[in-house]
């Protein structure tokens, strides 16, 4: 089993946006559980998913990809 890493850049961007995970997932058109899985490193997000999230948050998709073990 691969070690899980938390996407700290995404967590930080969500916090700065003032949106809840539920609001963000709804506006981005993804399931809330998908957002949680991305944050917690359980799935590798598709580029189009990260683009949708970044559009809602107001940043570039590559700014959301910093992860820590």
C-alpha atoms as a PDB file:
ATOM      1  CA  UNK A   1       0.000   0.000   0.000  1.00  0.00           C
ATOM      2  CA  UNK A   2       1.367   3.418  -0.950  1.00  0.00           C
ATOM      3  CA  UNK A   3       1.786   6.004   1.815  1.00  0.00           C
ATOM      4  CA  UNK A   4      -0.879   8.688   1.882  1.00  0.00           C
ATOM      5  CA  UNK A   5       0.026  12.334   1.694  1.00  0.00           C
ATOM      6  CA  UNK A   6      -2.106  15.320   2.557  1.00  0.00           C
ATOM      7  CA  UNK A   7      -2.517  18.022  -0.070  1.00  0.00           C
ATOM      8  CA  UNK A   8      -1.622  20.986   2.142  1.00  0.00           C
ATOM      9  CA  UNK A   9      -1.751  23.490  -0.709  1.00  0.00           C
ATOM     10  CA  UNK A  10      -5.345  22.543  -1.448  1.00  0.00           C
ATOM     11  CA  UNK A  11      -6.315  22.637   2.226  1.00  0.00           C
ATOM     12  CA  UNK A  12      -4.739  26.080   2.564  1.00  0.00           C
ATOM     13  CA  UNK A  13      -6.434  27.400  -0.586  1.00  0.00           C
ATOM     14  CA  UNK A  14      -9.821  26.133   0.573  1.00  0.00           C
ATOM     15  CA  UNK A  15      -9.365  27.819   3.943  1.00  0.00           C
ATOM     16  CA  UNK A  16      -8.336  31.105   2.292  1.00  0.00           C
ATOM     17  CA  UNK A  17     -11.351  30.946  -0.024  1.00  0.00           C
ATOM     18  CA  UNK A  18     -13.741  30.869   2.928  1.00  0.00           C
ATOM     19  CA  UNK A  19     -15.727  28.070   1.317  1.00  0.00           C
ATOM     20  CA  UNK A  20     -16.661  24.839   2.998  1.00  0.00           C
ATOM     21  CA  UNK A  21     -15.787  21.529   1.392  1.00  0.00           C
ATOM     22  CA  UNK A  22     -19.468  21.057   0.624  1.00  0.00           C
ATOM     23  CA  UNK A  23     -19.717  24.463  -1.095  1.00  0.00           C
ATOM     24  CA  UNK A  24     -16.508  23.928  -3.046  1.00  0.00           C
ATOM     25  CA  UNK A  25     -17.424  20.461  -4.246  1.00  0.00           C
ATOM     26  CA  UNK A  26     -20.873  21.630  -5.316  1.00  0.00           C
ATOM     27  CA  UNK A  27     -19.529  24.657  -7.217  1.00  0.00           C
ATOM     28  CA  UNK A  28     -16.769  22.565  -8.820  1.00  0.00           C
ATOM     29  CA  UNK A  29     -19.231  19.859  -9.868  1.00  0.00           C
ATOM     30  CA  UNK A  30     -17.590  17.025  -7.942  1.00  0.00           C
ATOM     31  CA  UNK A  31     -18.741  14.821  -5.084  1.00  0.00           C
ATOM     32  CA  UNK A  32     -17.751  15.886  -1.592  1.00  0.00           C
ATOM     33  CA  UNK A  33     -16.174  12.467  -1.020  1.00  0.00           C
ATOM     34  CA  UNK A  34     -14.003  12.984  -4.127  1.00  0.00           C
ATOM     35  CA  UNK A  35     -12.715  16.273  -2.708  1.00  0.00           C
ATOM     36  CA  UNK A  36     -11.949  14.553   0.589  1.00  0.00           C
ATOM     37  CA  UNK A  37     -10.101  11.752  -1.195  1.00  0.00           C
ATOM     38  CA  UNK A  38      -8.006  14.290  -3.137  1.00  0.00           C
ATOM     39  CA  UNK A  39      -7.155  16.214   0.033  1.00  0.00           C
ATOM     40  CA  UNK A  40      -6.171  13.048   1.875  1.00  0.00           C
ATOM     41  CA  UNK A  41      -4.121  11.554  -0.949  1.00  0.00           C
ATOM     42  CA  UNK A  42      -6.410   8.594  -1.522  1.00  0.00           C
ATOM     43  CA  UNK A  43      -6.826   9.358  -5.230  1.00  0.00           C
ATOM     44  CA  UNK A  44      -4.783  11.133  -7.861  1.00  0.00           C
ATOM     45  CA  UNK A  45      -7.035  13.873  -9.238  1.00  0.00           C
ATOM     46  CA  UNK A  46      -7.677  14.263 -12.936  1.00  0.00           C
ATOM     47  CA  UNK A  47      -6.371  17.517 -14.444  1.00  0.00           C
ATOM     48  CA  UNK A  48      -9.920  18.637 -15.277  1.00  0.00           C
ATOM     49  CA  UNK A  49     -10.972  18.103 -11.651  1.00  0.00           C
ATOM     50  CA  UNK A  50      -8.116  20.257 -10.370  1.00  0.00           C
ATOM     51  CA  UNK A  51      -8.988  22.894 -12.973  1.00  0.00           C
ATOM     52  CA  UNK A  52     -12.603  22.978 -11.784  1.00  0.00           C
ATOM     53  CA  UNK A  53     -11.503  23.283  -8.150  1.00  0.00           C
ATOM     54  CA  UNK A  54      -8.990  26.013  -8.961  1.00  0.00           C
ATOM     55  CA  UNK A  55     -11.580  28.028 -10.883  1.00  0.00           C
ATOM     56  CA  UNK A  56     -13.877  28.020  -7.850  1.00  0.00           C
ATOM     57  CA  UNK A  57     -11.047  28.913  -5.459  1.00  0.00           C
ATOM     58  CA  UNK A  58      -9.522  31.503  -7.795  1.00  0.00           C
ATOM     59  CA  UNK A  59      -6.031  30.162  -8.389  1.00  0.00           C
ATOM     60  CA  UNK A  60      -4.045  28.120 -10.912  1.00  0.00           C
ATOM     61  CA  UNK A  61      -4.354  24.308 -10.813  1.00  0.00           C
ATOM     62  CA  UNK A  62      -0.610  23.833 -10.282  1.00  0.00           C
ATOM     63  CA  UNK A  63      -0.809  25.958  -7.123  1.00  0.00           C
ATOM     64  CA  UNK A  64      -2.938  23.209  -5.552  1.00  0.00           C
ATOM     65  CA  UNK A  65      -0.508  20.341  -5.964  1.00  0.00           C
ATOM     66  CA  UNK A  66       1.889  20.694  -3.000  1.00  0.00           C
ATOM     67  CA  UNK A  67       1.684  17.604  -0.836  1.00  0.00           C
ATOM     68  CA  UNK A  68       3.322  16.522   2.421  1.00  0.00           C
ATOM     69  CA  UNK A  69       3.740  13.032   3.853  1.00  0.00           C
END
